[in-house]
Amino acid sequence: MVLTGSGTFDLTDLTHVNQDSVSFSATGVFPAGGQIVVTRAGKGIVYAYTMSGTATSFGTGPAAFSSPEYGTTLGLFAADKLFYISNTYVSNSQIVSKSTIIGSDFTKLGLTSGVYTFLSGNNTITVTIGNNAVAAVPEMQTWATVMIGFGAIGFGLRRRKVATRIRFA
């Protein structure tokens, strides 16, 4: 299972409520505790910002650790209503983070599928667990091509002459 973090975070008018020095040799999820951490390996300082939201957990499962790969350090602690981000993060810059949990899936982790939304200042933090993607809507060119194809098939069937033979035995 892959954990990713992406988007931007606006630090304007936000004051961090906590500063922690952390070592991220292992990251991952703790569904029952409402915790998700996506990071790169190493040590660093993270700032905590308050957030609001109704979710306090992401399921019933125990903690599962992942291999940190790359990106901006992110942490979301739903029960504590805190969002952590690296102190080196520049406001509104692109976030791209990835960690992988090897040999596990949603069932083993006890995750509950859904879309969880939190607010922090002007930011909306969305956690999507499971396959909650909205189905893609075809573009106009695709619809036009399909309609032309159906028209050509109909035209071909209409123009075909059907020979009828009657035989008497």
Protein backbone atom coordinates (compact mmCIF):
# COMPACT_ATOMS: atom_id res chain seq x y z
CA MET A 1 0.00 0.00 0.00
CA VAL A 2 1.33 3.43 -0.92
CA LEU A 3 0.89 6.58 1.15
CA THR A 4 1.19 9.82 -0.80
CA GLY A 5 0.94 13.47 0.07
CA SER A 6 0.38 16.14 -2.55
CA GLY A 7 -0.91 19.67 -2.98
CA THR A 8 0.06 22.91 -1.28
CA PHE A 9 -0.31 24.32 2.22
CA ASP A 10 -0.78 28.03 2.92
CA LEU A 11 1.04 29.08 6.09
CA THR A 12 -0.17 32.70 5.85
CA ASP A 13 -1.69 33.85 9.15
CA LEU A 14 -1.00 30.47 10.80
CA THR A 15 1.11 30.14 13.93
CA HIS A 16 2.46 26.74 14.81
CA VAL A 17 1.33 25.47 18.19
CA ASN A 18 4.11 22.97 18.66
CA GLN A 19 7.60 22.23 17.37
CA ASP A 20 9.09 18.75 17.54
CA SER A 21 12.47 17.34 16.68
CA VAL A 22 11.77 13.96 15.13
CA SER A 23 13.55 10.99 13.63
CA PHE A 24 11.66 9.39 10.78
CA SER A 25 13.19 5.98 10.31
CA ALA A 26 9.70 4.49 10.06
CA THR A 27 6.45 6.12 9.08
CA GLY A 28 2.99 4.77 8.37
CA VAL A 29 -0.58 4.64 9.57
CA PHE A 30 -2.38 4.02 12.84
CA PRO A 31 -6.06 3.79 11.79
CA ALA A 32 -7.53 3.48 15.31
CA GLY A 33 -5.47 6.46 16.50
CA GLY A 34 -6.31 8.56 13.45
CA GLN A 35 -2.65 8.97 12.48
CA ILE A 36 -1.00 9.08 9.07
CA VAL A 37 2.65 10.06 8.53
CA VAL A 38 4.20 10.39 5.07
CA THR A 39 7.84 11.37 4.97
CA ARG A 40 11.36 10.93 3.75
CA ALA A 41 13.94 9.17 5.90
CA GLY A 42 16.07 11.18 8.29
CA LYS A 43 15.84 13.62 11.14
CA GLY A 44 14.19 16.99 11.16
CA ILE A 45 11.96 19.50 12.84
CA VAL A 46 8.23 19.65 12.21
CA TYR A 47 5.72 22.32 13.10
CA ALA A 48 2.24 21.42 14.29
CA TYR A 49 -0.80 23.44 13.22
CA THR A 50 -4.30 23.06 14.62
CA MET A 51 -7.05 21.81 12.38
CA SER A 52 -10.73 21.04 12.66
CA GLY A 53 -12.69 18.07 11.39
CA THR A 54 -15.13 15.45 12.61
CA ALA A 55 -13.05 12.29 12.06
CA THR A 56 -10.94 11.02 14.95
CA SER A 57 -9.89 7.71 13.37
CA PHE A 58 -9.53 6.06 9.98
CA GLY A 59 -10.60 2.57 11.04
CA THR A 60 -10.00 0.02 13.78
CA GLY A 61 -6.60 -1.37 12.88
CA PRO A 62 -3.27 -1.29 14.73
CA ALA A 63 -0.21 0.69 13.66
CA ALA A 64 1.57 -0.36 10.46
CA PHE A 65 4.94 1.04 9.51
CA SER A 66 6.15 1.98 6.06
CA SER A 67 9.41 2.63 4.32
CA PRO A 68 9.92 6.38 3.97
CA GLU A 69 10.89 7.27 0.42
CA TYR A 70 10.90 10.96 -0.46
CA GLY A 71 9.25 14.32 -0.13
CA THR A 72 8.02 16.82 2.39
CA THR A 73 7.40 15.42 5.86
CA LEU A 74 3.66 15.39 6.61
CA GLY A 75 1.74 14.12 9.59
CA LEU A 76 -1.97 14.12 10.32
CA PHE A 77 -3.19 13.31 13.82
CA ALA A 78 -7.00 13.40 13.62
CA ALA A 79 -7.71 12.63 17.28
CA ASP A 80 -5.39 15.45 18.42
CA LYS A 81 -6.60 17.79 15.64
CA LEU A 82 -3.00 18.51 14.57
CA PHE A 83 -1.37 18.69 11.15
CA TYR A 84 2.43 18.43 11.06
CA ILE A 85 4.66 19.70 8.27
CA SER A 86 8.42 20.09 7.93
CA ASN A 87 9.86 23.37 9.24
CA THR A 88 11.69 23.77 5.91
CA TYR A 89 8.43 23.84 3.96
CA VAL A 90 7.87 27.09 2.06
CA SER A 91 4.26 28.31 2.12
CA ASN A 92 2.24 27.39 -1.02
CA SER A 93 5.04 25.35 -2.59
CA GLN A 94 4.22 21.98 -4.13
CA ILE A 95 4.11 18.98 -1.78
CA VAL A 96 5.05 15.58 -3.18
CA SER A 97 5.63 12.83 -0.60
CA LYS A 98 5.60 9.05 -0.73
CA SER A 99 5.95 6.12 1.68
CA THR A 100 5.15 2.44 1.05
CA ILE A 101 3.72 -0.16 3.43
CA ILE A 102 4.96 -3.51 2.11
CA GLY A 103 2.86 -6.66 2.45
CA SER A 104 -0.31 -5.03 3.70
CA ASP A 105 -3.68 -3.96 2.40
CA PHE A 106 -6.82 -2.19 3.60
CA THR A 107 -8.26 -5.30 5.27
CA LYS A 108 -5.10 -6.12 7.22
CA LEU A 109 -4.76 -2.50 8.33
CA GLY A 110 -8.40 -2.24 9.38
CA LEU A 111 -8.85 0.96 7.37
CA THR A 112 -12.30 2.36 6.71
CA SER A 113 -12.77 3.60 3.15
CA GLY A 114 -13.93 7.16 2.81
CA VAL A 115 -13.01 10.77 2.23
CA TYR A 116 -12.02 12.62 5.39
CA THR A 117 -11.82 16.42 5.34
CA PHE A 118 -10.03 18.72 7.78
CA LEU A 119 -9.57 22.50 7.84
CA SER A 120 -6.51 24.46 8.96
CA GLY A 121 -6.64 28.20 8.34
CA ASN A 122 -7.36 28.67 4.62
CA ASN A 123 -6.39 25.04 3.89
CA THR A 124 -8.54 22.02 3.23
CA ILE A 125 -6.77 18.75 4.02
CA THR A 126 -8.41 15.77 2.34
CA VAL A 127 -7.56 12.17 3.20
CA THR A 128 -8.89 9.64 0.69
CA ILE A 129 -8.79 6.01 1.76
CA GLY A 130 -9.82 3.33 -0.71
CA ASN A 131 -11.14 3.70 -4.21
CA ASN A 132 -13.28 6.82 -3.83
CA ALA A 133 -12.25 8.42 -7.10
CA VAL A 134 -14.96 10.12 -9.13
CA ALA A 135 -15.56 8.45 -12.48
CA ALA A 136 -14.03 10.34 -15.36
CA VAL A 137 -16.35 12.20 -17.72
CA PRO A 138 -15.43 11.76 -21.40
CA GLU A 139 -14.31 14.86 -23.28
CA MET A 140 -16.38 16.33 -26.12
CA GLN A 141 -14.02 14.90 -28.75
CA THR A 142 -14.64 11.41 -27.39
CA TRP A 143 -18.40 11.86 -27.53
CA ALA A 144 -18.15 13.23 -31.08
CA THR A 145 -16.08 10.24 -32.20
CA VAL A 146 -18.55 7.80 -30.65
CA MET A 147 -21.52 9.54 -32.31
CA ILE A 148 -19.80 9.56 -35.71
CA GLY A 149 -19.06 5.84 -35.30
CA PHE A 150 -22.68 5.02 -34.47
CA GLY A 151 -23.83 7.15 -37.41
CA ALA A 152 -21.50 5.31 -39.80
CA ILE A 153 -22.73 1.92 -38.59
CA GLY A 154 -26.36 2.99 -38.95
CA PHE A 155 -25.73 4.43 -42.43
CA GLY A 156 -24.01 1.21 -43.52
CA LEU A 157 -26.84 -0.98 -42.26
CA ARG A 158 -29.47 1.20 -43.90
CA ARG A 159 -27.77 1.18 -47.33
CA ARG A 160 -27.19 -2.56 -47.42
CA LYS A 161 -29.55 -4.33 -49.79
CA VAL A 162 -31.09 -7.43 -48.42
CA ALA A 163 -31.78 -10.09 -51.01
CA THR A 164 -34.81 -12.19 -50.23
CA ARG A 165 -35.15 -15.58 -51.87
CA ILE A 166 -38.14 -17.76 -51.70
CA ARG A 167 -37.79 -21.45 -52.46
CA PHE A 168 -40.46 -24.03 -52.78
CA ALA A 169 -39.62 -27.61 -52.16
